């Protein structure tokens, strides 16, 4: 399906190029509703773009939010995005401090698989 001037496959490709990997949710959204995929792409574009806050800061904020929701797969996806965006191990570990202070041990536990990506 096409949305505006881009088809779903092209949107997925563009987002994957920016992220450095393809989150499975992009393929699912493309199969189900390419209109929604376009909305998802617009949000993703704002997250990965410097503005008043740097893209790295926004990605770390997103990491903290999905960790607080205890979404393991979401944390892995945000961690990959952070690493591919040049976020350092030290910055991630400082974000882990914030996650622990604001959301507790369960949120940190949700980061278990994501933290393995730092090795």
N, C-alpha and C. Protein backbone atom coordinates (compact mmCIF):
# COMPACT_ATOMS: atom_id res chain seq x y z
N UNK A 1 0.83 -1.18 0.00
CA UNK A 1 0.00 0.00 0.00
C UNK A 1 0.88 1.24 0.00
N UNK A 2 0.38 2.31 -0.62
CA UNK A 2 1.11 3.55 -0.67
C UNK A 2 0.43 4.60 0.19
N UNK A 3 1.27 5.43 0.80
CA UNK A 3 0.80 6.52 1.64
C UNK A 3 1.49 7.78 1.14
N UNK A 4 0.71 8.77 0.74
CA UNK A 4 1.34 9.97 0.20
C UNK A 4 2.20 9.59 -0.99
N UNK A 5 3.45 10.00 -0.96
CA UNK A 5 4.34 9.68 -2.07
C UNK A 5 5.21 8.46 -1.80
N UNK A 6 4.99 7.80 -0.67
CA UNK A 6 5.81 6.62 -0.34
C UNK A 6 4.93 5.41 -0.06
N UNK A 7 5.42 4.25 -0.47
CA UNK A 7 4.75 2.99 -0.17
C UNK A 7 5.28 2.43 1.13
N UNK A 8 4.53 1.54 1.72
CA UNK A 8 4.87 0.96 3.02
C UNK A 8 6.28 0.40 3.08
N UNK A 9 6.66 -0.34 2.07
CA UNK A 9 8.00 -0.94 2.06
C UNK A 9 9.08 0.14 2.10
N UNK A 10 8.84 1.23 1.37
CA UNK A 10 9.82 2.32 1.34
C UNK A 10 9.88 3.02 2.71
N UNK A 11 8.72 3.20 3.36
CA UNK A 11 8.70 3.79 4.70
C UNK A 11 9.47 2.92 5.69
N UNK A 12 9.23 1.62 5.62
CA UNK A 12 9.94 0.69 6.50
C UNK A 12 11.44 0.78 6.24
N UNK A 13 11.82 0.82 4.98
CA UNK A 13 13.23 0.93 4.63
C UNK A 13 13.85 2.21 5.14
N UNK A 14 13.15 3.33 5.00
CA UNK A 14 13.65 4.61 5.48
C UNK A 14 13.85 4.59 6.99
N UNK A 15 12.85 4.08 7.72
CA UNK A 15 12.95 4.03 9.18
C UNK A 15 14.06 3.08 9.61
N UNK A 16 14.18 1.95 8.94
CA UNK A 16 15.22 0.98 9.27
C UNK A 16 16.60 1.58 9.05
N UNK A 17 16.76 2.34 7.96
CA UNK A 17 18.05 2.99 7.70
C UNK A 17 18.40 3.96 8.82
N UNK A 18 17.42 4.74 9.28
CA UNK A 18 17.67 5.72 10.35
C UNK A 18 17.99 5.03 11.67
N UNK A 19 17.30 3.92 11.95
CA UNK A 19 17.49 3.22 13.22
C UNK A 19 18.72 2.31 13.21
N UNK A 20 19.09 1.82 12.03
CA UNK A 20 20.18 0.87 11.93
C UNK A 20 19.73 -0.57 12.10
N UNK A 21 18.43 -0.79 12.19
CA UNK A 21 17.84 -2.11 12.29
C UNK A 21 16.34 -1.96 11.99
N UNK A 22 15.64 -3.07 11.82
CA UNK A 22 14.22 -3.03 11.53
C UNK A 22 13.43 -3.63 12.70
N UNK A 23 12.79 -2.77 13.51
CA UNK A 23 11.92 -3.31 14.57
C UNK A 23 10.77 -4.09 13.93
N UNK A 24 10.45 -5.23 14.45
CA UNK A 24 9.40 -6.08 13.90
C UNK A 24 8.07 -5.34 13.79
N UNK A 25 7.82 -4.40 14.70
CA UNK A 25 6.55 -3.66 14.67
C UNK A 25 6.37 -2.93 13.35
N UNK A 26 7.44 -2.50 12.71
CA UNK A 26 7.32 -1.81 11.43
C UNK A 26 6.75 -2.72 10.36
N UNK A 27 7.20 -3.96 10.32
CA UNK A 27 6.67 -4.91 9.34
C UNK A 27 5.21 -5.23 9.62
N UNK A 28 4.87 -5.37 10.89
CA UNK A 28 3.48 -5.66 11.26
C UNK A 28 2.58 -4.49 10.87
N UNK A 29 2.98 -3.28 11.20
CA UNK A 29 2.18 -2.10 10.84
C UNK A 29 2.03 -1.97 9.34
N UNK A 30 3.11 -2.24 8.61
CA UNK A 30 3.04 -2.15 7.16
C UNK A 30 2.02 -3.14 6.60
N UNK A 31 1.97 -4.34 7.16
CA UNK A 31 1.02 -5.35 6.70
C UNK A 31 -0.41 -4.98 7.04
N UNK A 32 -0.61 -4.36 8.20
CA UNK A 32 -1.96 -4.08 8.69
C UNK A 32 -2.55 -2.77 8.20
N UNK A 33 -1.74 -1.70 8.25
CA UNK A 33 -2.30 -0.37 7.97
C UNK A 33 -1.18 0.61 7.67
N UNK A 34 -0.92 0.82 6.39
CA UNK A 34 0.19 1.71 6.02
C UNK A 34 -0.11 3.17 6.39
N UNK A 35 -1.38 3.54 6.56
CA UNK A 35 -1.69 4.89 7.04
C UNK A 35 -1.16 5.08 8.45
N UNK A 36 -1.34 4.08 9.29
CA UNK A 36 -0.81 4.16 10.65
C UNK A 36 0.72 4.15 10.63
N UNK A 37 1.29 3.40 9.71
CA UNK A 37 2.75 3.36 9.57
C UNK A 37 3.29 4.76 9.28
N UNK A 38 2.57 5.53 8.48
CA UNK A 38 3.01 6.90 8.19
C UNK A 38 3.01 7.74 9.46
N UNK A 39 1.98 7.60 10.30
CA UNK A 39 1.93 8.33 11.57
C UNK A 39 3.09 7.91 12.47
N UNK A 40 3.35 6.62 12.52
CA UNK A 40 4.45 6.08 13.32
C UNK A 40 5.78 6.67 12.83
N UNK A 41 5.93 6.76 11.52
CA UNK A 41 7.15 7.31 10.92
C UNK A 41 7.33 8.77 11.32
N UNK A 42 6.26 9.55 11.33
CA UNK A 42 6.37 10.96 11.70
C UNK A 42 6.84 11.09 13.15
N UNK A 43 6.31 10.28 14.04
CA UNK A 43 6.74 10.31 15.44
C UNK A 43 8.20 9.89 15.56
N UNK A 44 8.55 8.83 14.88
CA UNK A 44 9.92 8.32 14.91
C UNK A 44 10.89 9.37 14.39
N UNK A 45 10.50 10.07 13.34
CA UNK A 45 11.34 11.12 12.76
C UNK A 45 11.60 12.23 13.78
N UNK A 46 10.59 12.61 14.52
CA UNK A 46 10.76 13.66 15.54
C UNK A 46 11.68 13.19 16.66
N UNK A 47 11.60 11.93 17.00
CA UNK A 47 12.44 11.38 18.07
C UNK A 47 13.91 11.35 17.65
N UNK A 48 14.17 11.03 16.41
CA UNK A 48 15.55 10.84 15.95
C UNK A 48 16.17 12.12 15.39
N UNK A 49 15.53 13.26 15.61
CA UNK A 49 16.00 14.51 15.05
C UNK A 49 16.30 15.50 16.18
N UNK A 50 17.44 16.18 16.08
CA UNK A 50 17.76 17.21 17.06
C UNK A 50 16.75 18.34 16.97
N UNK A 51 16.39 18.85 18.12
CA UNK A 51 15.52 20.02 18.23
C UNK A 51 15.99 20.78 19.45
N UNK A 52 15.05 21.27 20.25
CA UNK A 52 15.43 21.91 21.51
C UNK A 52 16.19 20.90 22.38
N UNK A 53 15.80 19.64 22.28
CA UNK A 53 16.53 18.54 22.93
C UNK A 53 17.28 17.78 21.84
N UNK A 54 18.46 17.31 22.17
CA UNK A 54 19.20 16.50 21.20
C UNK A 54 18.49 15.17 20.98
N UNK A 55 18.73 14.58 19.83
CA UNK A 55 18.14 13.27 19.53
C UNK A 55 18.58 12.25 20.59
N UNK A 56 19.85 12.31 21.00
CA UNK A 56 20.35 11.38 22.02
C UNK A 56 19.56 11.51 23.32
N UNK A 57 19.27 12.74 23.73
CA UNK A 57 18.50 12.96 24.95
C UNK A 57 17.10 12.39 24.81
N UNK A 58 16.47 12.62 23.68
CA UNK A 58 15.11 12.11 23.46
C UNK A 58 15.09 10.58 23.44
N UNK A 59 16.12 9.98 22.85
CA UNK A 59 16.19 8.51 22.80
C UNK A 59 16.36 7.96 24.22
N UNK A 60 17.18 8.60 25.03
CA UNK A 60 17.34 8.16 26.43
C UNK A 60 16.04 8.33 27.21
N UNK A 61 15.31 9.41 26.93
CA UNK A 61 14.01 9.60 27.57
C UNK A 61 13.05 8.47 27.16
N UNK A 62 13.06 8.14 25.88
CA UNK A 62 12.21 7.06 25.39
C UNK A 62 12.59 5.73 26.04
N UNK A 63 13.89 5.51 26.19
CA UNK A 63 14.36 4.30 26.86
C UNK A 63 13.81 4.23 28.28
N UNK A 64 13.88 5.34 28.99
CA UNK A 64 13.37 5.38 30.37
C UNK A 64 11.87 5.14 30.42
N UNK A 65 11.14 5.72 29.49
CA UNK A 65 9.69 5.55 29.49
C UNK A 65 9.30 4.10 29.24
N UNK A 66 9.89 3.46 28.22
CA UNK A 66 9.51 2.07 27.93
C UNK A 66 9.98 1.13 29.04
N UNK A 67 11.10 1.47 29.68
CA UNK A 67 11.54 0.67 30.82
C UNK A 67 10.53 0.79 31.96
N UNK A 68 10.04 2.01 32.18
CA UNK A 68 9.06 2.20 33.26
C UNK A 68 7.78 1.43 33.00
N UNK A 69 7.48 1.19 31.73
CA UNK A 69 6.30 0.40 31.35
C UNK A 69 6.59 -1.10 31.37
N UNK A 70 7.86 -1.44 31.64
CA UNK A 70 8.33 -2.82 31.73
C UNK A 70 8.06 -3.61 30.45
N UNK A 71 8.31 -2.95 29.33
CA UNK A 71 8.16 -3.58 28.02
C UNK A 71 9.54 -4.02 27.53
N UNK A 72 9.88 -5.27 27.79
CA UNK A 72 11.21 -5.79 27.47
C UNK A 72 11.60 -5.58 26.01
N UNK A 73 10.70 -5.94 25.08
CA UNK A 73 11.01 -5.80 23.66
C UNK A 73 11.16 -4.35 23.26
N UNK A 74 10.36 -3.48 23.87
CA UNK A 74 10.46 -2.04 23.58
C UNK A 74 11.80 -1.50 24.07
N UNK A 75 12.25 -1.97 25.22
CA UNK A 75 13.53 -1.52 25.77
C UNK A 75 14.67 -1.96 24.84
N UNK A 76 14.62 -3.17 24.35
CA UNK A 76 15.65 -3.65 23.42
C UNK A 76 15.66 -2.77 22.17
N UNK A 77 14.50 -2.47 21.64
CA UNK A 77 14.42 -1.64 20.45
C UNK A 77 14.98 -0.24 20.71
N UNK A 78 14.62 0.36 21.84
CA UNK A 78 15.14 1.69 22.17
C UNK A 78 16.64 1.64 22.44
N UNK A 79 17.12 0.56 23.03
CA UNK A 79 18.55 0.42 23.29
C UNK A 79 19.31 0.35 21.96
N UNK A 80 18.80 -0.41 21.01
CA UNK A 80 19.45 -0.48 19.69
C UNK A 80 19.48 0.89 19.05
N UNK A 81 18.36 1.60 19.15
CA UNK A 81 18.30 2.94 18.60
C UNK A 81 19.32 3.85 19.27
N UNK A 82 19.44 3.74 20.59
CA UNK A 82 20.40 4.56 21.33
C UNK A 82 21.83 4.26 20.88
N UNK A 83 22.18 3.00 20.82
CA UNK A 83 23.53 2.60 20.41
C UNK A 83 23.82 3.09 18.99
N UNK A 84 22.85 2.90 18.09
CA UNK A 84 23.04 3.32 16.70
C UNK A 84 23.07 4.84 16.55
N UNK A 85 22.58 5.54 17.55
CA UNK A 85 22.59 7.01 17.51
C UNK A 85 23.79 7.60 18.24
N UNK A 86 24.71 6.75 18.68
CA UNK A 86 25.93 7.22 19.30
C UNK A 86 25.86 7.47 20.78
N UNK A 87 24.78 7.00 21.43
CA UNK A 87 24.69 7.13 22.88
C UNK A 87 25.75 6.21 23.49
N UNK A 88 26.51 6.73 24.44
CA UNK A 88 27.60 5.96 25.03
C UNK A 88 27.09 5.04 26.15
N UNK A 89 27.92 4.07 26.48
CA UNK A 89 27.61 3.17 27.59
C UNK A 89 27.42 3.98 28.87
N UNK A 90 28.26 4.97 29.09
CA UNK A 90 28.17 5.80 30.29
C UNK A 90 26.85 6.57 30.34
N UNK A 91 26.41 7.09 29.20
CA UNK A 91 25.13 7.80 29.15
C UNK A 91 23.97 6.85 29.43
N UNK A 92 24.06 5.65 28.87
CA UNK A 92 23.00 4.66 29.10
C UNK A 92 22.96 4.26 30.57
N UNK A 93 24.13 4.04 31.16
CA UNK A 93 24.14 3.64 32.57
C UNK A 93 23.65 4.77 33.48
N UNK A 94 23.89 6.01 33.11
CA UNK A 94 23.33 7.12 33.88
C UNK A 94 21.81 7.16 33.73
N UNK A 95 21.33 6.86 32.53
CA UNK A 95 19.88 6.75 32.34
C UNK A 95 19.31 5.61 33.18
N UNK A 96 20.10 4.53 33.33
CA UNK A 96 19.66 3.42 34.18
C UNK A 96 19.49 3.89 35.63
N UNK A 97 20.35 4.80 36.08
CA UNK A 97 20.18 5.39 37.42
C UNK A 97 18.82 6.07 37.53
N UNK A 98 18.49 6.85 36.51
CA UNK A 98 17.21 7.57 36.50
C UNK A 98 16.05 6.57 36.49
N UNK A 99 16.18 5.54 35.68
CA UNK A 99 15.14 4.51 35.60
C UNK A 99 14.93 3.87 36.96
N UNK A 100 16.02 3.53 37.63
CA UNK A 100 15.92 2.89 38.95
C UNK A 100 15.29 3.83 39.97
N UNK A 101 15.75 5.09 39.99
CA UNK A 101 15.25 6.05 40.97
C UNK A 101 13.76 6.34 40.75
N UNK A 102 13.34 6.47 39.50
CA UNK A 102 11.96 6.86 39.22
C UNK A 102 10.99 5.69 39.09
N UNK A 103 11.49 4.51 38.69
CA UNK A 103 10.57 3.41 38.40
C UNK A 103 10.89 2.11 39.13
N UNK A 104 12.02 2.04 39.81
CA UNK A 104 12.34 0.90 40.65
C UNK A 104 12.95 -0.29 39.94
N UNK A 105 13.16 -1.33 40.75
CA UNK A 105 13.82 -2.54 40.29
C UNK A 105 13.09 -3.25 39.15
N UNK A 106 11.73 -3.29 39.13
CA UNK A 106 11.08 -3.96 38.01
C UNK A 106 11.40 -3.32 36.65
N UNK A 107 11.53 -2.01 36.62
CA UNK A 107 11.88 -1.33 35.37
C UNK A 107 13.31 -1.66 34.97
N UNK A 108 14.20 -1.74 35.94
CA UNK A 108 15.59 -2.12 35.64
C UNK A 108 15.62 -3.55 35.13
N UNK A 109 14.84 -4.43 35.74
CA UNK A 109 14.78 -5.83 35.29
C UNK A 109 14.30 -5.93 33.85
N UNK A 110 13.42 -5.03 33.44
CA UNK A 110 12.92 -5.04 32.06
C UNK A 110 14.03 -4.70 31.06
N UNK A 111 15.13 -4.17 31.55
CA UNK A 111 16.27 -3.78 30.70
C UNK A 111 17.31 -4.90 30.55
N UNK A 112 17.08 -6.03 31.18
CA UNK A 112 18.08 -7.11 31.21
C UNK A 112 18.60 -7.47 29.82
N UNK A 113 17.72 -7.78 28.90
CA UNK A 113 18.16 -8.18 27.55
C UNK A 113 18.77 -7.00 26.79
N UNK A 114 18.23 -5.82 27.00
CA UNK A 114 18.75 -4.64 26.32
C UNK A 114 20.17 -4.32 26.78
N UNK A 115 20.43 -4.48 28.05
CA UNK A 115 21.76 -4.17 28.57
C UNK A 115 22.83 -5.12 28.02
N UNK A 116 22.43 -6.31 27.63
CA UNK A 116 23.37 -7.27 27.02
C UNK A 116 23.94 -6.73 25.71
N UNK A 117 23.22 -5.81 25.08
CA UNK A 117 23.69 -5.22 23.82
C UNK A 117 24.91 -4.32 24.03
N UNK A 118 25.15 -3.93 25.27
CA UNK A 118 26.30 -3.06 25.57
C UNK A 118 27.62 -3.82 25.67
N UNK A 119 27.56 -5.14 25.73
CA UNK A 119 28.79 -5.94 25.87
C UNK A 119 29.60 -5.93 24.61
